[in-house]
C-alpha atoms as a PDB file:
ATOM      1  CA  MET A   1      29.583 -97.128   4.293  1.00  0.00           C
ATOM      2  CA  PHE A   2      32.656 -98.591   6.023  1.00  0.00           C
ATOM      3  CA  ARG A   3      31.934 -96.652   9.205  1.00  0.00           C
ATOM      4  CA  ASP A   4      28.600 -98.455   9.578  1.00  0.00           C
ATOM      5  CA  TRP A   5      30.189-101.850   8.980  1.00  0.00           C
ATOM      6  CA  PHE A   6      33.047-101.243  11.432  1.00  0.00           C
ATOM      7  CA  GLN A   7      30.648-100.047  14.161  1.00  0.00           C
ATOM      8  CA  GLY A   8      28.874-103.405  14.103  1.00  0.00           C
ATOM      9  CA  ALA A   9      32.062-105.486  14.083  1.00  0.00           C
ATOM     10  CA  GLY A  10      33.634-106.206  17.437  1.00  0.00           C
ATOM     11  CA  ALA A  11      37.130-107.447  16.584  1.00  0.00           C
ATOM     12  CA  THR A  12      38.362-104.885  14.093  1.00  0.00           C
ATOM     13  CA  GLY A  13      41.573-104.287  16.028  1.00  0.00           C
ATOM     14  CA  TRP A  14      43.013-107.764  15.429  1.00  0.00           C
ATOM     15  CA  PRO A  15      43.530-107.351  11.668  1.00  0.00           C
ATOM     16  CA  LEU A  16      45.359-104.104  12.388  1.00  0.00           C
ATOM     17  CA  VAL A  17      47.545-105.824  14.981  1.00  0.00           C
ATOM     18  CA  ALA A  18      48.298-108.643  12.532  1.00  0.00           C
ATOM     19  CA  MET A  19      49.245-106.156   9.816  1.00  0.00           C
ATOM     20  CA  LEU A  20      51.557-104.281  12.201  1.00  0.00           C
ATOM     21  CA  VAL A  21      53.241-107.525  13.322  1.00  0.00           C
ATOM     22  CA  PHE A  22      53.769-108.574   9.706  1.00  0.00           C
ATOM     23  CA  PHE A  23      55.080-105.142   8.760  1.00  0.00           C
ATOM     24  CA  GLY A  24      57.431-105.146  11.753  1.00  0.00           C
ATOM     25  CA  ALA A  25      58.781-108.585  10.829  1.00  0.00           C
ATOM     26  CA  PHE A  26      59.239-107.447   7.228  1.00  0.00           C
ATOM     27  CA  VAL A  27      61.191-104.367   8.341  1.00  0.00           C
ATOM     28  CA  ILE A  28      63.388-106.470  10.640  1.00  0.00           C
ATOM     29  CA  VAL A  29      64.213-108.944   7.851  1.00  0.00           C
ATOM     30  CA  LEU A  30      64.873-106.105   5.430  1.00  0.00           C
ATOM     31  CA  ALA A  31      67.186-104.386   7.918  1.00  0.00           C
ATOM     32  CA  TYR A  32      69.022-107.675   8.534  1.00  0.00           C
ATOM     33  CA  VAL A  33      69.573-108.196   4.824  1.00  0.00           C
ATOM     34  CA  GLN A  34      70.699-104.620   4.254  1.00  0.00           C
ATOM     35  CA  PHE A  35      72.946-104.121   7.275  1.00  0.00           C
ATOM     36  CA  ALA A  36      73.940-107.431   8.859  1.00  0.00           C
ATOM     37  CA  MET A  37      74.773-109.236   5.623  1.00  0.00           C
ATOM     38  CA  ARG A  38      77.276-106.700   4.347  1.00  0.00           C
ATOM     39  CA  ASP A  39      80.244-108.830   5.397  1.00  0.00           C
ATOM     40  CA  ARG A  40      81.396-110.656   2.272  1.00  0.00           C
ATOM     41  CA  LYS A  41      82.922-113.556   4.235  1.00  0.00           C
ATOM     42  CA  THR A  42      79.639-114.284   6.028  1.00  0.00           C
ATOM     43  CA  LEU A  43      77.739-114.028   2.767  1.00  0.00           C
ATOM     44  CA  ASP A  44      80.095-116.513   1.084  1.00  0.00           C
ATOM     45  CA  GLU A  45      79.741-118.927   4.028  1.00  0.00           C
ATOM     46  CA  MET A  46      75.952-118.767   3.772  1.00  0.00           C
ATOM     47  CA  ALA A  47      76.072-119.286   0.018  1.00  0.00           C
ATOM     48  CA  ALA A  48      78.223-122.416   0.433  1.00  0.00           C
ATOM     49  CA  LEU A  49      76.043-124.023   3.148  1.00  0.00           C
ATOM     50  CA  PRO A  50      74.161-126.386   0.827  1.00  0.00           C
ATOM     51  CA  LEU A  51      77.456-127.563  -0.639  1.00  0.00           C
ATOM     52  CA  THR A  52      79.369-128.352   2.574  1.00  0.00           C
ATOM     53  CA  ASP A  53      80.009-131.962   3.600  1.00  0.00           C
ATOM     54  CA  ASP A  54      79.982-131.581   7.383  1.00  0.00           C
ATOM     55  CA  VAL A  55      77.535-134.437   7.857  1.00  0.00           C
ATOM     56  CA  PRO A  56      78.140-137.658   5.933  1.00  0.00           C
ATOM     57  CA  ALA A  57      75.263-138.749   3.759  1.00  0.00           C
ATOM     58  CA  THR A  58      73.475-141.932   4.804  1.00  0.00           C
ATOM     59  CA  PRO A  59      72.159-144.268   2.167  1.00  0.00           C
ATOM     60  CA  SER A  60      68.390-144.570   1.983  1.00  0.00           C
ATOM     61  CA  ASP A  61      66.653-147.897   2.454  1.00  0.00           C
ATOM     62  CA  GLY A  62      64.929-147.679  -0.894  1.00  0.00           C
ATOM     63  CA  GLY A  63      61.529-146.995   0.616  1.00  0.00           C
ATOM     64  CA  ASN A  64      60.535-150.656   1.049  1.00  0.00           C
ATOM     65  CA  GLY A  65      60.632-150.549   4.872  1.00  0.00           C
ATOM     66  CA  GLU A  66      62.954-153.553   5.293  1.00  0.00           C
END
């Protein structure tokens, strides 16, 4: 059944390429998390990023455009 459908379709290689690219990106991210993030200092720095005050906050204009 699938053999007949795939014989008539011309671009069946692109979904396979897309799946391999996605799988490769997933493996790279997984390897980065497992091996590159083992340093506790780097992990603590990343965890504190949303809490750092490197850039001063600017007050908003209230949304009225004036």
